[in-house]
């Protein structure tokens, strides 16, 4: 999948731990991943867990999305209500998580701020760009 000139590649199952450790260190399993799941549960009352794909972006960014073909009905903090594909839902959950965690101070907060902007760049040209912007604005 490509948006603008940024592409994404599925992170292989056997590389997930190494990939996330290289980007976020121990903060991924302790803070980031649980916060993404928390956001999924917060903005989608029908969300009930499941497997997620991990994606590496060609600009150095990262996001994860539920491994399903289902769509998600969301109700976001900003009043947006709508339906998102699993991919767009994951992007929105990650953007919310990065944003919230970027206010914590320290190196991890800075990393989250950087990843927020890297993922945001990827949204330009996404098939659901308009809905993603409305969900996070």
N, C-alpha and C. Protein backbone atom coordinates (compact mmCIF):
# COMPACT_ATOMS: atom_id res chain seq x y z
N UNK A 1 0.85 -1.17 0.00
CA UNK A 1 0.00 0.00 0.00
C UNK A 1 0.89 1.23 0.00
N UNK A 2 0.55 2.23 -0.75
CA UNK A 2 1.33 3.46 -0.80
C UNK A 2 0.41 4.66 -0.66
N UNK A 3 0.83 5.62 0.11
CA UNK A 3 0.15 6.90 0.17
C UNK A 3 1.23 7.93 -0.06
N UNK A 4 0.93 8.87 -0.95
CA UNK A 4 1.95 9.82 -1.40
C UNK A 4 3.16 9.01 -1.83
N UNK A 5 4.31 9.33 -1.30
CA UNK A 5 5.50 8.56 -1.65
C UNK A 5 5.92 7.66 -0.50
N UNK A 6 5.15 7.65 0.57
CA UNK A 6 5.46 6.80 1.72
C UNK A 6 4.74 5.48 1.55
N UNK A 7 5.48 4.40 1.72
CA UNK A 7 4.89 3.07 1.60
C UNK A 7 4.92 2.38 2.96
N UNK A 8 4.10 1.34 3.07
CA UNK A 8 4.12 0.55 4.29
C UNK A 8 4.39 -0.90 3.94
N UNK A 9 4.99 -1.58 4.88
CA UNK A 9 5.29 -3.00 4.70
C UNK A 9 4.91 -3.72 5.99
N UNK A 10 4.22 -4.83 5.83
CA UNK A 10 3.85 -5.66 6.96
C UNK A 10 5.11 -6.18 7.65
N UNK A 11 5.18 -6.03 8.95
CA UNK A 11 6.31 -6.57 9.72
C UNK A 11 6.01 -8.04 9.96
N UNK A 12 6.92 -8.91 9.56
CA UNK A 12 6.75 -10.35 9.72
C UNK A 12 6.59 -10.71 11.19
N UNK A 13 5.79 -11.70 11.45
CA UNK A 13 5.52 -12.15 12.83
C UNK A 13 6.80 -12.33 13.63
N UNK A 14 7.79 -12.98 13.04
CA UNK A 14 9.04 -13.24 13.73
C UNK A 14 9.92 -12.02 13.96
N UNK A 15 9.58 -10.89 13.34
CA UNK A 15 10.36 -9.66 13.47
C UNK A 15 9.69 -8.60 14.33
N UNK A 16 8.48 -8.88 14.78
CA UNK A 16 7.70 -7.86 15.50
C UNK A 16 8.40 -7.36 16.77
N UNK A 17 8.90 -8.27 17.58
CA UNK A 17 9.54 -7.87 18.84
C UNK A 17 10.79 -7.04 18.56
N UNK A 18 11.63 -7.50 17.64
CA UNK A 18 12.85 -6.76 17.32
C UNK A 18 12.53 -5.40 16.70
N UNK A 19 11.53 -5.37 15.83
CA UNK A 19 11.18 -4.11 15.16
C UNK A 19 10.69 -3.07 16.18
N UNK A 20 9.75 -3.45 17.02
CA UNK A 20 9.21 -2.49 18.00
C UNK A 20 10.25 -2.13 19.06
N UNK A 21 11.13 -3.09 19.42
CA UNK A 21 12.18 -2.79 20.38
C UNK A 21 13.16 -1.76 19.82
N UNK A 22 13.46 -1.87 18.54
CA UNK A 22 14.37 -0.91 17.91
C UNK A 22 13.78 0.50 17.88
N UNK A 23 12.47 0.59 17.72
CA UNK A 23 11.82 1.89 17.64
C UNK A 23 11.50 2.49 19.01
N UNK A 24 10.99 1.66 19.93
CA UNK A 24 10.43 2.17 21.18
C UNK A 24 11.05 1.57 22.45
N UNK A 25 11.90 0.57 22.29
CA UNK A 25 12.47 -0.10 23.46
C UNK A 25 11.38 -0.77 24.28
N UNK A 26 11.62 -0.85 25.56
CA UNK A 26 10.69 -1.50 26.49
C UNK A 26 9.37 -0.74 26.60
N UNK A 27 9.36 0.50 26.13
CA UNK A 27 8.14 1.30 26.21
C UNK A 27 7.03 0.78 25.31
N UNK A 28 7.38 0.00 24.28
CA UNK A 28 6.31 -0.53 23.43
C UNK A 28 5.38 -1.47 24.20
N UNK A 29 5.90 -2.55 24.80
CA UNK A 29 4.96 -3.44 25.49
C UNK A 29 4.41 -2.86 26.78
N UNK A 30 5.14 -1.94 27.40
CA UNK A 30 4.69 -1.38 28.68
C UNK A 30 3.67 -0.26 28.52
N UNK A 31 3.84 0.58 27.50
CA UNK A 31 3.00 1.77 27.38
C UNK A 31 2.27 1.90 26.05
N UNK A 32 3.03 1.82 24.95
CA UNK A 32 2.42 2.14 23.66
C UNK A 32 1.37 1.13 23.23
N UNK A 33 1.72 -0.14 23.18
CA UNK A 33 0.76 -1.15 22.73
C UNK A 33 -0.50 -1.16 23.60
N UNK A 34 -0.38 -1.17 24.94
CA UNK A 34 -1.60 -1.12 25.75
C UNK A 34 -2.43 0.14 25.52
N UNK A 35 -1.76 1.27 25.25
CA UNK A 35 -2.50 2.51 25.02
C UNK A 35 -3.24 2.47 23.70
N UNK A 36 -2.64 1.87 22.68
CA UNK A 36 -3.33 1.71 21.39
C UNK A 36 -4.59 0.87 21.60
N UNK A 37 -4.47 -0.23 22.34
CA UNK A 37 -5.63 -1.08 22.61
C UNK A 37 -6.68 -0.34 23.43
N UNK A 38 -6.23 0.47 24.39
CA UNK A 38 -7.14 1.30 25.19
C UNK A 38 -7.91 2.27 24.29
N UNK A 39 -7.20 2.90 23.35
CA UNK A 39 -7.87 3.82 22.44
C UNK A 39 -8.88 3.09 21.57
N UNK A 40 -8.52 1.90 21.10
CA UNK A 40 -9.46 1.11 20.28
C UNK A 40 -10.73 0.84 21.06
N UNK A 41 -10.57 0.47 22.31
CA UNK A 41 -11.71 0.18 23.17
C UNK A 41 -12.51 1.44 23.48
N UNK A 42 -11.82 2.56 23.60
CA UNK A 42 -12.46 3.83 23.93
C UNK A 42 -13.30 4.38 22.79
N UNK A 43 -12.80 4.31 21.56
CA UNK A 43 -13.52 4.95 20.45
C UNK A 43 -14.47 4.00 19.72
N UNK A 44 -14.43 2.71 20.04
CA UNK A 44 -15.29 1.74 19.36
C UNK A 44 -15.90 0.80 20.38
N UNK A 45 -17.17 0.98 20.68
CA UNK A 45 -17.80 0.15 21.71
C UNK A 45 -17.90 -1.31 21.30
N UNK A 46 -17.86 -1.60 20.01
CA UNK A 46 -17.92 -2.99 19.54
C UNK A 46 -16.55 -3.67 19.48
N UNK A 47 -15.47 -2.92 19.71
CA UNK A 47 -14.15 -3.52 19.67
C UNK A 47 -13.99 -4.47 20.86
N UNK A 48 -13.51 -5.68 20.56
CA UNK A 48 -13.34 -6.65 21.66
C UNK A 48 -12.03 -7.42 21.55
N UNK A 49 -10.99 -6.75 21.11
CA UNK A 49 -9.67 -7.37 21.05
C UNK A 49 -9.45 -8.12 19.75
N UNK A 50 -8.35 -8.85 19.71
CA UNK A 50 -8.00 -9.62 18.52
C UNK A 50 -6.57 -9.40 18.11
N UNK A 51 -6.17 -10.06 17.05
CA UNK A 51 -4.81 -9.93 16.53
C UNK A 51 -4.67 -8.63 15.74
N UNK A 52 -3.48 -8.06 15.79
CA UNK A 52 -3.18 -6.84 15.07
C UNK A 52 -1.97 -7.06 14.18
N UNK A 53 -1.97 -6.42 13.01
CA UNK A 53 -0.81 -6.38 12.12
C UNK A 53 0.07 -5.22 12.55
N UNK A 54 1.38 -5.35 12.33
CA UNK A 54 2.33 -4.26 12.55
C UNK A 54 2.85 -3.84 11.17
N UNK A 55 2.98 -2.53 10.97
CA UNK A 55 3.44 -2.00 9.70
C UNK A 55 4.63 -1.05 9.90
N UNK A 56 5.65 -1.24 9.07
CA UNK A 56 6.79 -0.33 9.02
C UNK A 56 6.57 0.60 7.84
N UNK A 57 6.75 1.89 8.06
CA UNK A 57 6.61 2.88 7.00
C UNK A 57 7.98 3.22 6.43
N UNK A 58 8.00 3.54 5.16
CA UNK A 58 9.27 3.84 4.49
C UNK A 58 9.92 5.12 5.01
N UNK A 59 9.18 5.95 5.73
CA UNK A 59 9.75 7.17 6.31
C UNK A 59 10.25 6.92 7.74
N UNK A 60 10.22 5.67 8.20
CA UNK A 60 10.67 5.33 9.55
C UNK A 60 9.55 5.20 10.55
N UNK A 61 8.33 5.49 10.14
CA UNK A 61 7.19 5.42 11.04
C UNK A 61 6.69 4.00 11.26
N UNK A 62 5.71 3.89 12.13
CA UNK A 62 5.14 2.60 12.52
C UNK A 62 3.67 2.79 12.88
N UNK A 63 2.87 1.79 12.52
CA UNK A 63 1.51 1.72 13.04
C UNK A 63 1.07 0.28 13.08
N UNK A 64 -0.02 0.05 13.74
CA UNK A 64 -0.59 -1.28 13.84
C UNK A 64 -2.09 -1.18 13.60
N UNK A 65 -2.67 -2.26 13.08
CA UNK A 65 -4.11 -2.26 12.82
C UNK A 65 -4.65 -3.67 13.03
N UNK A 66 -5.93 -3.76 13.38
CA UNK A 66 -6.53 -5.08 13.59
C UNK A 66 -6.45 -5.95 12.34
N UNK A 67 -6.19 -7.21 12.57
CA UNK A 67 -6.10 -8.20 11.48
C UNK A 67 -7.51 -8.72 11.19
N UNK A 68 -8.25 -7.93 10.41
CA UNK A 68 -9.63 -8.28 10.07
C UNK A 68 -10.05 -7.51 8.83
N UNK A 69 -11.07 -8.00 8.17
CA UNK A 69 -11.66 -7.26 7.06
C UNK A 69 -12.86 -6.45 7.52
N UNK A 70 -13.18 -6.54 8.79
CA UNK A 70 -14.35 -5.84 9.35
C UNK A 70 -14.11 -4.34 9.39
N UNK A 71 -15.20 -3.60 9.37
CA UNK A 71 -15.15 -2.16 9.58
C UNK A 71 -15.50 -1.88 11.03
N UNK A 72 -15.12 -0.70 11.50
CA UNK A 72 -15.32 -0.32 12.89
C UNK A 72 -16.14 0.97 12.96
N UNK A 73 -17.23 0.94 13.72
CA UNK A 73 -18.01 2.15 13.99
C UNK A 73 -17.35 2.85 15.16
N UNK A 74 -16.92 4.09 14.91
CA UNK A 74 -16.19 4.81 15.94
C UNK A 74 -16.93 6.06 16.37
N UNK A 75 -16.65 6.44 17.59
CA UNK A 75 -17.13 7.69 18.16
C UNK A 75 -15.93 8.30 18.89
N UNK A 76 -15.36 9.35 18.31
CA UNK A 76 -14.10 9.89 18.79
C UNK A 76 -14.29 11.04 19.78
N UNK A 77 -13.20 11.35 20.46
CA UNK A 77 -13.18 12.42 21.48
C UNK A 77 -13.64 13.76 20.93
N UNK A 78 -13.42 13.99 19.64
CA UNK A 78 -13.72 15.28 19.04
C UNK A 78 -15.14 15.38 18.48
N UNK A 79 -15.93 14.33 18.67
CA UNK A 79 -17.31 14.33 18.18
C UNK A 79 -17.50 13.61 16.86
N UNK A 80 -16.42 13.22 16.20
CA UNK A 80 -16.55 12.47 14.95
C UNK A 80 -17.18 11.12 15.21
N UNK A 81 -18.17 10.78 14.38
CA UNK A 81 -18.78 9.46 14.41
C UNK A 81 -18.82 8.96 12.97
N UNK A 82 -18.35 7.73 12.78
CA UNK A 82 -18.33 7.19 11.43
C UNK A 82 -17.77 5.79 11.43
N UNK A 83 -17.62 5.25 10.23
CA UNK A 83 -17.11 3.90 10.05
C UNK A 83 -15.74 3.98 9.40
N UNK A 84 -14.82 3.18 9.92
CA UNK A 84 -13.46 3.12 9.40
C UNK A 84 -13.09 1.67 9.09
N UNK A 85 -12.29 1.46 8.07
CA UNK A 85 -11.73 0.14 7.82
C UNK A 85 -10.79 -0.20 8.97
N UNK A 86 -10.40 -1.46 9.07
CA UNK A 86 -9.45 -1.87 10.12
C UNK A 86 -8.15 -1.08 10.00
N UNK A 87 -7.67 -0.85 8.77
CA UNK A 87 -6.43 -0.10 8.57
C UNK A 87 -6.57 1.32 9.09
N UNK A 88 -7.61 2.02 8.69
CA UNK A 88 -7.82 3.40 9.13
C UNK A 88 -8.07 3.46 10.63
N UNK A 89 -8.79 2.49 11.17
CA UNK A 89 -9.04 2.41 12.61
C UNK A 89 -7.72 2.31 13.36
N UNK A 90 -6.84 1.44 12.89
CA UNK A 90 -5.54 1.29 13.52
C UNK A 90 -4.72 2.57 13.46
N UNK A 91 -4.74 3.22 12.32
CA UNK A 91 -4.02 4.49 12.18
C UNK A 91 -4.55 5.51 13.17
N UNK A 92 -5.87 5.63 13.28
CA UNK A 92 -6.47 6.58 14.21
C UNK A 92 -6.09 6.24 15.64
N UNK A 93 -6.17 4.98 16.01
CA UNK A 93 -5.81 4.58 17.38
C UNK A 93 -4.35 4.89 17.67
N UNK A 94 -3.47 4.64 16.71
CA UNK A 94 -2.06 4.93 16.90
C UNK A 94 -1.81 6.43 16.99
N UNK A 95 -2.47 7.21 16.16
CA UNK A 95 -2.28 8.67 16.23
C UNK A 95 -2.74 9.22 17.56
N UNK A 96 -3.89 8.75 18.07
CA UNK A 96 -4.34 9.17 19.40
C UNK A 96 -3.33 8.76 20.46
N UNK A 97 -2.84 7.52 20.40
CA UNK A 97 -1.88 7.04 21.39
C UNK A 97 -0.59 7.86 21.35
N UNK A 98 -0.05 8.06 20.14
CA UNK A 98 1.18 8.86 20.01
C UNK A 98 0.97 10.26 20.57
N UNK A 99 -0.16 10.86 20.24
CA UNK A 99 -0.43 12.21 20.71
C UNK A 99 -0.48 12.26 22.23
N UNK A 100 -1.28 11.40 22.83
CA UNK A 100 -1.43 11.41 24.29
C UNK A 100 -0.09 11.14 24.98
N UNK A 101 0.66 10.16 24.49
CA UNK A 101 1.92 9.78 25.13
C UNK A 101 3.04 10.79 24.88
N UNK A 102 2.87 11.66 23.90
CA UNK A 102 3.91 12.66 23.61
C UNK A 102 3.96 13.76 24.66
N UNK A 103 2.96 13.84 25.53
CA UNK A 103 2.93 14.89 26.54
C UNK A 103 3.53 14.44 27.87
N UNK A 104 4.12 13.24 27.91
CA UNK A 104 4.65 12.72 29.16
C UNK A 104 6.02 13.22 29.54
N UNK A 105 6.76 13.83 28.65
CA UNK A 105 8.11 14.27 28.94
C UNK A 105 9.11 13.15 28.74
N UNK A 106 10.35 13.50 28.51
CA UNK A 106 11.41 12.52 28.37
C UNK A 106 11.56 12.00 26.95
N UNK A 107 12.49 11.06 26.80
CA UNK A 107 12.81 10.50 25.50
C UNK A 107 11.64 9.78 24.85
N UNK A 108 10.89 9.02 25.63
CA UNK A 108 9.77 8.27 25.06
C UNK A 108 8.71 9.23 24.53
N UNK A 109 8.43 10.30 25.24
CA UNK A 109 7.46 11.30 24.77
C UNK A 109 7.93 11.90 23.45
N UNK A 110 9.21 12.19 23.35
CA UNK A 110 9.77 12.73 22.11
C UNK A 110 9.63 11.73 20.97
N UNK A 111 9.90 10.46 21.26
CA UNK A 111 9.75 9.41 20.25
C UNK A 111 8.31 9.34 19.78
N UNK A 112 7.36 9.42 20.71
CA UNK A 112 5.94 9.38 20.33
C UNK A 112 5.57 10.58 19.47
N UNK A 113 6.09 11.75 19.81
CA UNK A 113 5.82 12.95 19.01
C UNK A 113 6.36 12.76 17.59
N UNK A 114 7.56 12.22 17.47
CA UNK A 114 8.14 11.98 16.15
C UNK A 114 7.30 10.97 15.36
N UNK A 115 6.87 9.90 16.01
CA UNK A 115 6.08 8.89 15.31
C UNK A 115 4.69 9.40 14.96
N UNK A 116 4.15 10.31 15.75
CA UNK A 116 2.89 10.94 15.39
C UNK A 116 3.04 11.63 14.03
N UNK A 117 4.09 12.40 13.87
CA UNK A 117 4.29 13.15 12.63
C UNK A 117 4.63 12.23 11.45
N UNK A 118 5.40 11.18 11.70
CA UNK A 118 5.71 10.23 10.63
C UNK A 118 4.45 9.53 10.13
N UNK A 119 3.60 9.11 11.06
CA UNK A 119 2.35 8.45 10.67
C UNK A 119 1.40 9.43 10.01
N UNK A 120 1.36 10.64 10.53
CA UNK A 120 0.50 11.68 9.95
C UNK A 120 0.86 11.93 8.49
N UNK A 121 2.17 11.92 8.18
CA UNK A 121 2.61 12.09 6.79
C UNK A 121 2.06 10.98 5.90
N UNK A 122 1.98 9.79 6.44
CA UNK A 122 1.49 8.63 5.67
C UNK A 122 0.01 8.77 5.33
N UNK A 123 -0.74 9.47 6.17
CA UNK A 123 -2.19 9.60 5.96
C UNK A 123 -2.51 10.33 4.66
N UNK A 124 -1.65 11.27 4.26
CA UNK A 124 -1.91 12.00 3.01
C UNK A 124 -1.98 11.01 1.85
N UNK A 125 -3.09 10.99 1.17
CA UNK A 125 -3.28 10.08 0.05
C UNK A 125 -3.90 8.74 0.42
N UNK A 126 -4.10 8.48 1.70
CA UNK A 126 -4.75 7.22 2.13
C UNK A 126 -6.18 7.23 1.60
N UNK A 127 -6.70 6.07 1.27
CA UNK A 127 -8.07 5.97 0.75
C UNK A 127 -9.10 6.59 1.70
N UNK A 128 -8.83 6.56 2.99
CA UNK A 128 -9.76 7.11 3.97
C UNK A 128 -9.21 8.37 4.64
N UNK A 129 -8.38 9.08 3.90
CA UNK A 129 -7.74 10.28 4.43
C UNK A 129 -8.72 11.23 5.11
N UNK A 130 -9.81 11.55 4.44
CA UNK A 130 -10.77 12.51 4.99
C UNK A 130 -11.36 12.05 6.31
N UNK A 131 -11.73 10.79 6.41
CA UNK A 131 -12.30 10.26 7.65
C UNK A 131 -11.25 10.20 8.76
N UNK A 132 -10.01 9.88 8.40
CA UNK A 132 -8.95 9.84 9.41
C UNK A 132 -8.73 11.24 9.98
N UNK A 133 -8.65 12.25 9.10
CA UNK A 133 -8.46 13.63 9.58
C UNK A 133 -9.61 14.05 10.48
N UNK A 134 -10.84 13.72 10.06
CA UNK A 134 -11.99 14.10 10.88
C UNK A 134 -11.97 13.40 12.22
N UNK A 135 -11.50 12.17 12.25
CA UNK A 135 -11.46 11.42 13.50
C UNK A 135 -10.42 11.95 14.48
N UNK A 136 -9.33 12.50 13.96
CA UNK A 136 -8.27 12.96 14.87
C UNK A 136 -8.24 14.47 15.07
N UNK A 137 -8.97 15.23 14.28
CA UNK A 137 -8.92 16.69 14.35
C UNK A 137 -9.60 17.19 15.60
